[in-house]
Amino acid sequence: MTVYFAFIPSRRLQPTESGPLEFAPNQAIPEWALKQRAAHRHGPTYYDGVNHTVPPSAKPTADFPEADSTACLLVWKRTASQAVPQHGEEPDETWTLTPRGRVARDTWTSTNTDTQPRPSQEIQP
């Protein structure tokens, strides 16, 4: 499975449709990226995917100055036979941080907005 994701630094900001999606071969990498970016306002980027042959010091990073504890990810999950998500396509899930810093995954529905509370499924670290 490939996980495509768009980072939203804060719920105060509107999701943007510009720019490429990041992607990873599993769910652990986007989860870690969300935690890292919200906590440190800086972290690695995965616009070119995950390359384990590159040393950590050479991997691309970016600053996320507007990131805060309300940061979230819009997530699309795809198998090898499925197409890359297109701009405007609704995500499969929204990932947010709990007050304790865990990642909560919520299934996206067409009635969801970033300001509505949703029941969540916490992911244990």
Protein backbone atom coordinates (compact mmCIF):
# COMPACT_ATOMS: atom_id res chain seq x y z
CA MET A 1 0.00 0.00 0.00
CA THR A 2 1.13 3.54 -0.72
CA VAL A 3 0.01 6.32 1.57
CA TYR A 4 -0.33 9.76 -0.02
CA PHE A 5 -0.70 12.71 2.31
CA ALA A 6 -1.06 16.48 2.49
CA PHE A 7 0.13 18.28 5.61
CA ILE A 8 -2.13 21.02 7.01
CA PRO A 9 -0.02 22.96 9.55
CA SER A 10 -2.96 24.28 11.56
CA ARG A 11 -6.74 24.10 11.56
CA ARG A 12 -6.67 27.90 11.32
CA LEU A 13 -5.50 27.46 7.72
CA GLN A 14 -7.55 26.21 4.80
CA PRO A 15 -6.30 23.06 3.07
CA THR A 16 -4.57 23.99 -0.16
CA GLU A 17 -4.83 22.16 -3.44
CA SER A 18 -1.54 23.51 -4.77
CA GLY A 19 1.67 21.56 -4.65
CA PRO A 20 2.37 17.86 -4.94
CA LEU A 21 1.31 15.23 -2.45
CA GLU A 22 3.89 13.48 -0.32
CA PHE A 23 3.93 9.70 -0.28
CA ALA A 24 5.29 6.79 1.74
CA PRO A 25 5.19 2.98 1.57
CA ASN A 26 3.48 2.62 4.96
CA GLN A 27 1.46 4.52 7.58
CA ALA A 28 4.28 4.85 10.12
CA ILE A 29 6.19 7.48 8.12
CA PRO A 30 3.33 10.00 7.75
CA GLU A 31 2.41 9.49 11.43
CA TRP A 32 5.97 10.30 12.46
CA ALA A 33 6.08 13.27 10.08
CA LEU A 34 2.88 14.72 11.58
CA LYS A 35 4.26 14.45 15.12
CA GLN A 36 7.66 15.85 14.13
CA ARG A 37 6.28 18.83 12.21
CA ALA A 38 3.72 19.78 14.87
CA ALA A 39 6.26 19.56 17.69
CA HIS A 40 9.31 21.10 16.03
CA ARG A 41 7.91 23.12 13.10
CA HIS A 42 10.54 21.42 10.97
CA GLY A 43 10.94 17.97 9.51
CA PRO A 44 11.65 15.76 6.54
CA THR A 45 9.58 15.90 3.38
CA TYR A 46 8.48 12.98 1.24
CA TYR A 47 7.57 14.57 -2.10
CA ASP A 48 9.94 12.07 -3.74
CA GLY A 49 8.89 9.19 -1.52
CA VAL A 50 11.10 7.39 0.99
CA ASN A 51 14.68 6.60 0.05
CA HIS A 52 16.38 4.45 2.69
CA THR A 53 19.72 4.57 0.88
CA VAL A 54 20.14 8.31 1.55
CA PRO A 55 21.68 9.19 4.93
CA PRO A 56 19.38 11.17 7.25
CA SER A 57 21.57 14.27 6.99
CA ALA A 58 21.07 14.36 3.20
CA LYS A 59 17.29 13.87 3.16
CA PRO A 60 15.15 16.86 2.14
CA THR A 61 13.61 18.87 4.98
CA ALA A 62 11.40 21.92 5.30
CA ASP A 63 10.32 24.45 7.89
CA PHE A 64 6.66 24.58 8.88
CA PRO A 65 6.47 27.88 10.82
CA GLU A 66 2.68 27.86 11.12
CA ALA A 67 2.50 24.30 12.48
CA ASP A 68 0.85 23.84 15.85
CA SER A 69 -0.88 21.16 17.90
CA THR A 70 -3.93 21.32 15.62
CA ALA A 71 -1.92 20.21 12.57
CA CYS A 72 -3.40 17.37 10.56
CA LEU A 73 -2.85 15.17 7.54
CA LEU A 74 -5.27 14.49 4.72
CA VAL A 75 -4.57 10.88 3.76
CA TRP A 76 -5.24 8.80 0.65
CA LYS A 77 -4.45 5.08 0.72
CA ARG A 78 -3.74 3.31 -2.57
CA THR A 79 -2.79 -0.17 -3.69
CA ALA A 80 -0.38 -0.68 -6.58
CA SER A 81 -3.28 -1.06 -9.02
CA GLN A 82 -4.95 2.21 -8.01
CA ALA A 83 -4.19 5.61 -9.52
CA VAL A 84 -2.46 8.44 -7.68
CA PRO A 85 -5.01 10.76 -6.03
CA GLN A 86 -5.91 13.80 -8.09
CA HIS A 87 -6.36 17.38 -6.83
CA GLY A 88 -9.88 17.84 -5.55
CA GLU A 89 -10.33 14.15 -4.75
CA GLU A 90 -11.63 13.65 -1.22
CA PRO A 91 -9.18 11.97 1.17
CA ASP A 92 -9.83 8.58 2.73
CA GLU A 93 -8.90 9.73 6.23
CA THR A 94 -7.93 12.74 8.31
CA TRP A 95 -5.19 12.27 10.89
CA THR A 96 -4.96 14.60 13.88
CA LEU A 97 -3.02 14.69 17.14
CA THR A 98 -4.64 14.00 20.50
CA PRO A 99 -3.76 16.22 23.48
CA ARG A 100 -1.32 13.47 24.55
CA GLY A 101 0.45 13.54 21.19
CA ARG A 102 -0.95 10.36 19.71
CA VAL A 103 -2.27 10.17 16.17
CA ALA A 104 -6.02 9.77 15.75
CA ARG A 105 -7.26 8.52 12.38
CA ASP A 106 -10.75 9.50 11.28
CA THR A 107 -12.55 8.22 8.22
CA TRP A 108 -13.40 11.06 5.85
CA THR A 109 -17.04 11.58 4.89
CA SER A 110 -18.39 14.20 2.52
CA THR A 111 -19.94 16.05 5.48
CA ASN A 112 -16.63 16.37 7.37
CA THR A 113 -14.98 19.72 7.75
CA ASP A 114 -11.80 20.52 9.63
CA THR A 115 -13.75 22.25 12.38
CA GLN A 116 -16.22 19.46 13.16
CA PRO A 117 -15.31 17.05 15.94
CA ARG A 118 -15.21 13.45 14.78
CA PRO A 119 -14.97 10.19 16.68
CA SER A 120 -11.42 8.95 16.46
CA GLN A 121 -9.46 5.77 16.57
CA GLU A 122 -6.24 6.37 18.50
CA ILE A 123 -3.08 4.77 17.30
CA GLN A 124 -0.87 3.53 20.10
CA PRO A 125 2.78 4.62 19.75
